[in-house]
N, C-alpha and C. Protein backbone atom coordinates (compact mmCIF):
# COMPACT_ATOMS: atom_id res chain seq x y z
N MET A 1 5.94 11.63 11.15
CA MET A 1 5.34 11.69 9.83
C MET A 1 4.19 10.69 9.70
N VAL A 2 4.45 9.42 10.05
CA VAL A 2 3.40 8.41 9.88
C VAL A 2 2.22 8.67 10.80
N ASP A 3 2.49 9.22 11.97
CA ASP A 3 1.38 9.58 12.88
C ASP A 3 0.48 10.62 12.24
N ASN A 4 1.08 11.62 11.60
CA ASN A 4 0.31 12.68 10.95
C ASN A 4 -0.55 12.15 9.81
N LEU A 5 -0.12 11.06 9.19
CA LEU A 5 -0.87 10.48 8.06
C LEU A 5 -1.86 9.40 8.52
N GLY A 6 -1.91 9.14 9.82
CA GLY A 6 -2.88 8.19 10.34
C GLY A 6 -2.43 6.74 10.34
N PHE A 7 -1.13 6.49 10.20
CA PHE A 7 -0.62 5.12 10.22
C PHE A 7 -0.40 4.66 11.65
N ILE A 8 -0.47 3.36 11.85
CA ILE A 8 -0.26 2.74 13.15
C ILE A 8 1.01 1.90 13.07
N CYS A 9 1.86 2.01 14.07
CA CYS A 9 3.09 1.22 14.11
C CYS A 9 2.76 -0.21 14.52
N CYS A 10 3.33 -1.15 13.84
CA CYS A 10 3.14 -2.57 14.15
C CYS A 10 3.75 -2.89 15.51
N ASN A 11 3.05 -3.66 16.33
CA ASN A 11 3.55 -4.03 17.65
C ASN A 11 4.74 -4.97 17.59
N ILE A 12 4.84 -5.75 16.54
CA ILE A 12 5.89 -6.76 16.42
C ILE A 12 7.16 -6.20 15.79
N ASP A 13 7.02 -5.33 14.80
CA ASP A 13 8.17 -4.77 14.09
C ASP A 13 7.97 -3.26 13.95
N GLU A 14 8.82 -2.48 14.61
CA GLU A 14 8.66 -1.03 14.64
C GLU A 14 9.00 -0.35 13.32
N SER A 15 9.44 -1.11 12.32
CA SER A 15 9.72 -0.53 11.00
C SER A 15 8.55 -0.74 10.04
N VAL A 16 7.46 -1.31 10.54
CA VAL A 16 6.27 -1.57 9.72
C VAL A 16 5.12 -0.73 10.24
N PHE A 17 4.46 -0.03 9.32
CA PHE A 17 3.33 0.83 9.66
C PHE A 17 2.16 0.45 8.76
N PHE A 18 0.96 0.55 9.28
CA PHE A 18 -0.20 0.18 8.48
C PHE A 18 -1.35 1.15 8.71
N LYS A 19 -2.24 1.17 7.73
CA LYS A 19 -3.44 2.00 7.79
C LYS A 19 -4.52 1.32 6.96
N ILE A 20 -5.75 1.36 7.45
CA ILE A 20 -6.87 0.86 6.67
C ILE A 20 -7.72 2.07 6.30
N SER A 21 -7.90 2.26 5.01
CA SER A 21 -8.64 3.41 4.50
C SER A 21 -9.71 2.92 3.53
N ASP A 22 -10.95 3.19 3.83
CA ASP A 22 -12.06 2.73 2.97
C ASP A 22 -11.94 1.25 2.67
N TYR A 23 -11.66 0.45 3.70
CA TYR A 23 -11.53 -1.01 3.60
C TYR A 23 -10.36 -1.45 2.72
N LYS A 24 -9.40 -0.57 2.49
CA LYS A 24 -8.21 -0.91 1.72
C LYS A 24 -7.00 -0.80 2.64
N LEU A 25 -6.10 -1.75 2.54
CA LEU A 25 -4.94 -1.83 3.43
C LEU A 25 -3.73 -1.15 2.80
N ILE A 26 -3.04 -0.35 3.60
CA ILE A 26 -1.78 0.28 3.20
C ILE A 26 -0.73 -0.14 4.22
N ILE A 27 0.39 -0.69 3.74
CA ILE A 27 1.49 -1.08 4.61
C ILE A 27 2.74 -0.36 4.12
N ILE A 28 3.46 0.26 5.04
CA ILE A 28 4.74 0.90 4.72
C ILE A 28 5.82 0.20 5.54
N ILE A 29 6.87 -0.24 4.84
CA ILE A 29 8.00 -0.90 5.48
C ILE A 29 9.21 0.00 5.30
N VAL A 30 9.85 0.34 6.41
CA VAL A 30 10.98 1.27 6.39
C VAL A 30 12.24 0.53 6.78
N HIS A 31 13.33 0.77 6.04
CA HIS A 31 14.64 0.20 6.38
C HIS A 31 15.69 1.26 6.11
N VAL A 32 16.28 1.79 7.16
CA VAL A 32 17.28 2.86 7.10
C VAL A 32 16.72 4.04 6.31
N ASP A 33 17.19 4.25 5.07
CA ASP A 33 16.67 5.37 4.28
C ASP A 33 15.85 4.90 3.08
N ASP A 34 15.38 3.67 3.14
CA ASP A 34 14.54 3.12 2.08
C ASP A 34 13.16 2.81 2.65
N TYR A 35 12.17 2.84 1.78
CA TYR A 35 10.85 2.39 2.20
C TYR A 35 10.16 1.70 1.03
N MET A 36 9.26 0.82 1.38
CA MET A 36 8.47 0.12 0.38
C MET A 36 7.03 0.18 0.86
N ASN A 37 6.11 0.37 -0.06
CA ASN A 37 4.71 0.34 0.34
C ASN A 37 4.01 -0.83 -0.34
N VAL A 38 3.07 -1.40 0.40
CA VAL A 38 2.23 -2.48 -0.10
C VAL A 38 0.81 -1.96 0.02
N ILE A 39 0.14 -1.82 -1.11
CA ILE A 39 -1.16 -1.16 -1.12
C ILE A 39 -2.14 -2.01 -1.93
N THR A 40 -3.33 -2.20 -1.40
CA THR A 40 -4.31 -3.03 -2.08
C THR A 40 -5.14 -2.26 -3.11
N SER A 41 -4.91 -0.96 -3.21
CA SER A 41 -5.63 -0.15 -4.20
C SER A 41 -4.64 0.73 -4.95
N ILE A 42 -4.64 0.63 -6.26
CA ILE A 42 -3.70 1.42 -7.07
C ILE A 42 -3.95 2.92 -6.90
N LYS A 43 -5.18 3.30 -6.60
CA LYS A 43 -5.50 4.71 -6.41
C LYS A 43 -4.80 5.30 -5.19
N LEU A 44 -4.54 4.46 -4.20
CA LEU A 44 -3.89 4.94 -2.98
C LEU A 44 -2.39 5.11 -3.13
N VAL A 45 -1.80 4.53 -4.16
CA VAL A 45 -0.34 4.63 -4.36
C VAL A 45 0.07 6.09 -4.47
N ASP A 46 -0.60 6.86 -5.32
CA ASP A 46 -0.25 8.28 -5.49
C ASP A 46 -0.47 9.06 -4.21
N TRP A 47 -1.56 8.75 -3.49
CA TRP A 47 -1.82 9.45 -2.23
C TRP A 47 -0.68 9.24 -1.24
N VAL A 48 -0.22 7.99 -1.11
CA VAL A 48 0.86 7.67 -0.18
C VAL A 48 2.13 8.41 -0.58
N LYS A 49 2.51 8.33 -1.84
CA LYS A 49 3.74 8.99 -2.30
C LYS A 49 3.67 10.49 -2.09
N ASN A 50 2.57 11.11 -2.48
CA ASN A 50 2.44 12.56 -2.33
C ASN A 50 2.41 12.98 -0.87
N SER A 51 1.79 12.18 -0.03
CA SER A 51 1.73 12.50 1.40
C SER A 51 3.11 12.42 2.04
N ILE A 52 3.87 11.40 1.68
CA ILE A 52 5.22 11.26 2.24
C ILE A 52 6.12 12.40 1.75
N LYS A 53 5.94 12.82 0.49
CA LYS A 53 6.74 13.92 -0.06
C LYS A 53 6.55 15.22 0.69
N GLU A 54 5.43 15.37 1.39
CA GLU A 54 5.21 16.58 2.19
C GLU A 54 6.17 16.65 3.38
N PHE A 55 6.73 15.51 3.78
CA PHE A 55 7.59 15.46 4.96
C PHE A 55 9.06 15.23 4.62
N VAL A 56 9.34 14.42 3.62
CA VAL A 56 10.73 14.09 3.26
C VAL A 56 10.86 14.00 1.74
N GLU A 57 12.08 14.15 1.28
CA GLU A 57 12.34 14.00 -0.15
C GLU A 57 12.42 12.51 -0.47
N ILE A 58 11.70 12.09 -1.51
CA ILE A 58 11.75 10.68 -1.91
C ILE A 58 12.08 10.57 -3.40
N THR A 59 12.66 9.45 -3.75
CA THR A 59 12.94 9.12 -5.14
C THR A 59 12.13 7.89 -5.48
N ASN A 60 11.34 7.98 -6.53
CA ASN A 60 10.51 6.86 -6.93
C ASN A 60 11.31 5.96 -7.87
N LEU A 61 11.64 4.78 -7.40
CA LEU A 61 12.42 3.84 -8.21
C LEU A 61 11.52 2.84 -8.93
N LYS A 62 10.23 3.10 -8.91
CA LYS A 62 9.22 2.28 -9.61
C LYS A 62 9.10 0.90 -8.97
N LYS A 63 9.05 -0.12 -9.81
CA LYS A 63 8.82 -1.48 -9.30
C LYS A 63 10.01 -1.96 -8.48
N ILE A 64 9.71 -2.74 -7.46
CA ILE A 64 10.74 -3.32 -6.62
C ILE A 64 10.94 -4.79 -7.03
N TYR A 65 12.19 -5.17 -7.18
CA TYR A 65 12.51 -6.54 -7.55
C TYR A 65 13.25 -7.29 -6.44
N TRP A 66 13.95 -6.54 -5.59
CA TRP A 66 14.70 -7.13 -4.50
C TRP A 66 14.46 -6.32 -3.23
N LEU A 67 14.35 -6.99 -2.09
CA LEU A 67 14.24 -6.33 -0.80
C LEU A 67 14.97 -7.20 0.22
N LEU A 68 16.01 -6.63 0.83
CA LEU A 68 16.79 -7.35 1.85
C LEU A 68 17.20 -8.74 1.38
N ASN A 69 17.71 -8.79 0.16
CA ASN A 69 18.21 -10.03 -0.44
C ASN A 69 17.12 -11.07 -0.71
N ILE A 70 15.88 -10.62 -0.82
CA ILE A 70 14.76 -11.50 -1.17
C ILE A 70 14.21 -11.02 -2.51
N LYS A 71 14.11 -11.92 -3.47
CA LYS A 71 13.58 -11.57 -4.78
C LYS A 71 12.05 -11.53 -4.71
N LEU A 72 11.48 -10.48 -5.27
CA LEU A 72 10.03 -10.31 -5.30
C LEU A 72 9.54 -10.46 -6.74
N ARG A 73 8.47 -11.20 -6.91
CA ARG A 73 7.88 -11.34 -8.24
C ARG A 73 6.37 -11.22 -8.12
N ARG A 74 5.78 -10.41 -8.96
CA ARG A 74 4.33 -10.19 -8.92
C ARG A 74 3.69 -10.83 -10.14
N ASP A 75 2.66 -11.63 -9.92
CA ASP A 75 1.88 -12.21 -11.01
C ASP A 75 0.52 -11.52 -10.99
N TRP A 76 0.39 -10.52 -11.85
CA TRP A 76 -0.82 -9.69 -11.87
C TRP A 76 -2.06 -10.46 -12.32
N LYS A 77 -1.86 -11.51 -13.14
CA LYS A 77 -3.00 -12.26 -13.65
C LYS A 77 -3.75 -12.99 -12.54
N VAL A 78 -3.00 -13.50 -11.57
CA VAL A 78 -3.64 -14.23 -10.46
C VAL A 78 -3.55 -13.44 -9.15
N ASP A 79 -3.07 -12.21 -9.24
CA ASP A 79 -2.99 -11.30 -8.10
C ASP A 79 -2.21 -11.91 -6.94
N LYS A 80 -0.95 -12.33 -7.22
CA LYS A 80 -0.11 -12.92 -6.20
C LYS A 80 1.25 -12.23 -6.17
N LEU A 81 1.80 -12.14 -4.97
CA LEU A 81 3.16 -11.66 -4.76
C LEU A 81 3.96 -12.84 -4.25
N MET A 82 5.06 -13.17 -4.94
CA MET A 82 5.88 -14.31 -4.55
C MET A 82 7.25 -13.84 -4.08
N LEU A 83 7.77 -14.50 -3.05
CA LEU A 83 9.07 -14.17 -2.47
C LEU A 83 10.01 -15.35 -2.68
N PHE A 84 11.24 -15.06 -3.13
CA PHE A 84 12.25 -16.11 -3.38
C PHE A 84 13.53 -15.75 -2.65
N GLN A 85 14.12 -16.75 -1.99
CA GLN A 85 15.39 -16.54 -1.32
C GLN A 85 16.51 -17.17 -2.07
């Protein structure tokens, strides 16, 4: 699936895929039957979701607050993502 969408598998972690499109970075992190995307352009969010839906059924759970027992917090005013253990 990720090959068909033009993503490249990370050499260090085979569950991480990335793509650079129009100078914007897209990262997809896969864990068992869950995935999270990190995208530098809000316009690309819909493209990623719709593209993945062509291959597998997905459920959009909206914002992510926890990942692998790490709390995630986004400060949109200063454009930062913070991780807490």
